[in-house]
């Protein structure tokens, strides 16, 4: 029980540390400042460039917020076939990207 109280206190301290970056509005998802969204989207496209996708990359909508330091951006690659990638980004309180990982969510291979 004491560990749970410490966790809740830590989460509330992190949320209060960056005013304006994350405004928690329960039960809806957290909202992100527009400058942070632009920075996260740029980092997601850079991470996708390392995978050498074949086609045009597009991002629709804001990132999904799992917690104040973990965001997911969905990147659509439109080319010979359509692929959807999920790019998970770890950020700090100032919205600096610490790490990025890509994962193929779906693709449309031709059925023969």
C-alpha atoms as a PDB file:
ATOM      1  CA  UNK A   1       0.000   0.000   0.000  1.00  0.00           C
ATOM      2  CA  UNK A   2       2.872   2.365   0.819  1.00  0.00           C
ATOM      3  CA  UNK A   3       4.433   1.635  -2.605  1.00  0.00           C
ATOM      4  CA  UNK A   4       1.152   2.494  -4.338  1.00  0.00           C
ATOM      5  CA  UNK A   5       0.931   5.810  -2.478  1.00  0.00           C
ATOM      6  CA  UNK A   6       4.519   6.609  -3.522  1.00  0.00           C
ATOM      7  CA  UNK A   7       3.723   5.750  -7.145  1.00  0.00           C
ATOM      8  CA  UNK A   8       0.666   8.034  -7.195  1.00  0.00           C
ATOM      9  CA  UNK A   9       2.694  10.842  -5.623  1.00  0.00           C
ATOM     10  CA  UNK A  10       5.462  10.333  -8.205  1.00  0.00           C
ATOM     11  CA  UNK A  11       3.021  10.403 -11.120  1.00  0.00           C
ATOM     12  CA  UNK A  12       1.350  13.569  -9.851  1.00  0.00           C
ATOM     13  CA  UNK A  13       4.773  15.204  -9.399  1.00  0.00           C
ATOM     14  CA  UNK A  14       5.761  14.349 -12.976  1.00  0.00           C
ATOM     15  CA  UNK A  15       2.465  15.688 -14.323  1.00  0.00           C
ATOM     16  CA  UNK A  16       2.941  18.937 -12.418  1.00  0.00           C
ATOM     17  CA  UNK A  17       6.595  19.296 -13.467  1.00  0.00           C
ATOM     18  CA  UNK A  18       5.782  20.284 -17.053  1.00  0.00           C
ATOM     19  CA  UNK A  19       2.833  22.662 -16.979  1.00  0.00           C
ATOM     20  CA  UNK A  20       1.221  22.983 -20.367  1.00  0.00           C
ATOM     21  CA  UNK A  21       3.021  19.961 -21.821  1.00  0.00           C
ATOM     22  CA  UNK A  22       0.458  17.476 -20.561  1.00  0.00           C
ATOM     23  CA  UNK A  23      -2.925  18.608 -19.336  1.00  0.00           C
ATOM     24  CA  UNK A  24      -4.629  15.529 -17.926  1.00  0.00           C
ATOM     25  CA  UNK A  25      -8.361  15.532 -18.541  1.00  0.00           C
ATOM     26  CA  UNK A  26      -9.830  12.316 -17.182  1.00  0.00           C
ATOM     27  CA  UNK A  27     -11.392  10.100 -18.471  1.00  0.00           C
ATOM     28  CA  UNK A  28     -10.179  11.257 -21.897  1.00  0.00           C
ATOM     29  CA  UNK A  29      -6.586  10.869 -23.040  1.00  0.00           C
ATOM     30  CA  UNK A  30      -3.860  13.356 -22.189  1.00  0.00           C
ATOM     31  CA  UNK A  31      -3.410  16.338 -24.468  1.00  0.00           C
ATOM     32  CA  UNK A  32      -0.026  17.338 -25.840  1.00  0.00           C
ATOM     33  CA  UNK A  33       1.270  20.806 -26.660  1.00  0.00           C
ATOM     34  CA  UNK A  34       1.419  21.470 -30.452  1.00  0.00           C
ATOM     35  CA  UNK A  35       5.192  22.078 -30.362  1.00  0.00           C
ATOM     36  CA  UNK A  36       5.692  18.707 -28.699  1.00  0.00           C
ATOM     37  CA  UNK A  37       3.474  16.975 -31.286  1.00  0.00           C
ATOM     38  CA  UNK A  38       5.601  18.443 -34.087  1.00  0.00           C
ATOM     39  CA  UNK A  39       8.818  17.315 -32.395  1.00  0.00           C
ATOM     40  CA  UNK A  40       7.478  13.796 -31.782  1.00  0.00           C
ATOM     41  CA  UNK A  41       6.186  13.462 -35.364  1.00  0.00           C
ATOM     42  CA  UNK A  42       9.581  14.544 -36.748  1.00  0.00           C
ATOM     43  CA  UNK A  43      11.335  11.972 -34.572  1.00  0.00           C
ATOM     44  CA  UNK A  44       8.894   9.268 -35.717  1.00  0.00           C
ATOM     45  CA  UNK A  45       9.590  10.029 -39.384  1.00  0.00           C
ATOM     46  CA  UNK A  46      13.352   9.943 -38.727  1.00  0.00           C
ATOM     47  CA  UNK A  47      12.984   6.543 -37.063  1.00  0.00           C
ATOM     48  CA  UNK A  48      10.958   5.318 -40.035  1.00  0.00           C
ATOM     49  CA  UNK A  49      13.670   6.490 -42.462  1.00  0.00           C
ATOM     50  CA  UNK A  50      16.028   3.991 -40.797  1.00  0.00           C
ATOM     51  CA  UNK A  51      13.674   1.153 -41.845  1.00  0.00           C
ATOM     52  CA  UNK A  52      13.847   2.159 -45.546  1.00  0.00           C
ATOM     53  CA  UNK A  53      10.110   2.108 -46.281  1.00  0.00           C
ATOM     54  CA  UNK A  54       9.040   1.946 -49.916  1.00  0.00           C
ATOM     55  CA  UNK A  55       6.517   4.721 -50.419  1.00  0.00           C
ATOM     56  CA  UNK A  56       5.308   8.019 -49.067  1.00  0.00           C
ATOM     57  CA  UNK A  57       5.067   8.324 -45.281  1.00  0.00           C
ATOM     58  CA  UNK A  58       2.132  10.134 -43.690  1.00  0.00           C
ATOM     59  CA  UNK A  59       1.007  10.745 -40.118  1.00  0.00           C
ATOM     60  CA  UNK A  60      -2.663  11.337 -39.392  1.00  0.00           C
ATOM     61  CA  UNK A  61      -3.848  12.674 -36.046  1.00  0.00           C
ATOM     62  CA  UNK A  62      -2.121  13.222 -32.728  1.00  0.00           C
ATOM     63  CA  UNK A  63       0.042  10.617 -31.007  1.00  0.00           C
ATOM     64  CA  UNK A  64      -1.475   8.154 -28.588  1.00  0.00           C
ATOM     65  CA  UNK A  65      -0.410   8.861 -24.997  1.00  0.00           C
ATOM     66  CA  UNK A  66       0.294   5.827 -22.810  1.00  0.00           C
ATOM     67  CA  UNK A  67       1.835   7.889 -20.008  1.00  0.00           C
ATOM     68  CA  UNK A  68       3.518  11.321 -19.892  1.00  0.00           C
ATOM     69  CA  UNK A  69       6.780   9.797 -21.124  1.00  0.00           C
ATOM     70  CA  UNK A  70       5.600   7.204 -23.670  1.00  0.00           C
ATOM     71  CA  UNK A  71       3.844   8.155 -26.901  1.00  0.00           C
ATOM     72  CA  UNK A  72       2.886   6.172 -30.007  1.00  0.00           C
ATOM     73  CA  UNK A  73       2.714   7.663 -33.497  1.00  0.00           C
ATOM     74  CA  UNK A  74       1.086   5.718 -36.338  1.00  0.00           C
ATOM     75  CA  UNK A  75       2.850   6.180 -39.664  1.00  0.00           C
ATOM     76  CA  UNK A  76       1.148   5.115 -42.895  1.00  0.00           C
ATOM     77  CA  UNK A  77       3.414   4.150 -45.793  1.00  0.00           C
ATOM     78  CA  UNK A  78       1.606   4.365 -49.112  1.00  0.00           C
ATOM     79  CA  UNK A  79       3.355   2.826 -52.091  1.00  0.00           C
ATOM     80  CA  UNK A  80       3.228  -0.495 -53.920  1.00  0.00           C
ATOM     81  CA  UNK A  81       1.339  -1.764 -50.879  1.00  0.00           C
ATOM     82  CA  UNK A  82      -0.008   0.056 -47.837  1.00  0.00           C
ATOM     83  CA  UNK A  83       1.760  -0.518 -44.530  1.00  0.00           C
ATOM     84  CA  UNK A  84       0.975   0.874 -41.103  1.00  0.00           C
ATOM     85  CA  UNK A  85       3.803   1.224 -38.584  1.00  0.00           C
ATOM     86  CA  UNK A  86       3.641   2.085 -34.890  1.00  0.00           C
ATOM     87  CA  UNK A  87       6.538   4.180 -33.619  1.00  0.00           C
ATOM     88  CA  UNK A  88       6.867   4.210 -29.827  1.00  0.00           C
ATOM     89  CA  UNK A  89       8.741   7.228 -28.472  1.00  0.00           C
ATOM     90  CA  UNK A  90      10.108   7.791 -24.986  1.00  0.00           C
ATOM     91  CA  UNK A  91      10.330  11.488 -24.081  1.00  0.00           C
ATOM     92  CA  UNK A  92      11.451  13.509 -21.071  1.00  0.00           C
ATOM     93  CA  UNK A  93       9.617  16.346 -19.320  1.00  0.00           C
ATOM     94  CA  UNK A  94      10.847  18.901 -21.889  1.00  0.00           C
ATOM     95  CA  UNK A  95       9.593  16.751 -24.809  1.00  0.00           C
ATOM     96  CA  UNK A  96      13.087  15.717 -25.887  1.00  0.00           C
ATOM     97  CA  UNK A  97      12.956  12.318 -27.595  1.00  0.00           C
ATOM     98  CA  UNK A  98      15.066   9.787 -25.705  1.00  0.00           C
ATOM     99  CA  UNK A  99      14.396   6.678 -27.794  1.00  0.00           C
ATOM    100  CA  UNK A 100      12.259   5.432 -30.654  1.00  0.00           C
ATOM    101  CA  UNK A 101      11.269   1.964 -31.791  1.00  0.00           C
ATOM    102  CA  UNK A 102       9.294   0.964 -34.874  1.00  0.00           C
ATOM    103  CA  UNK A 103       6.941  -1.954 -35.343  1.00  0.00           C
ATOM    104  CA  UNK A 104       4.985  -3.072 -38.396  1.00  0.00           C
ATOM    105  CA  UNK A 105       1.301  -3.084 -37.447  1.00  0.00           C
ATOM    106  CA  UNK A 106      -0.254  -4.221 -40.739  1.00  0.00           C
ATOM    107  CA  UNK A 107       0.476  -4.576 -44.420  1.00  0.00           C
ATOM    108  CA  UNK A 108      -1.458  -5.500 -47.530  1.00  0.00           C
ATOM    109  CA  UNK A 109       0.424  -8.257 -49.310  1.00  0.00           C
ATOM    110  CA  UNK A 110      -1.267  -9.422 -52.495  1.00  0.00           C
ATOM    111  CA  UNK A 111      -3.077 -12.738 -52.053  1.00  0.00           C
ATOM    112  CA  UNK A 112      -2.365 -15.239 -54.843  1.00  0.00           C
END
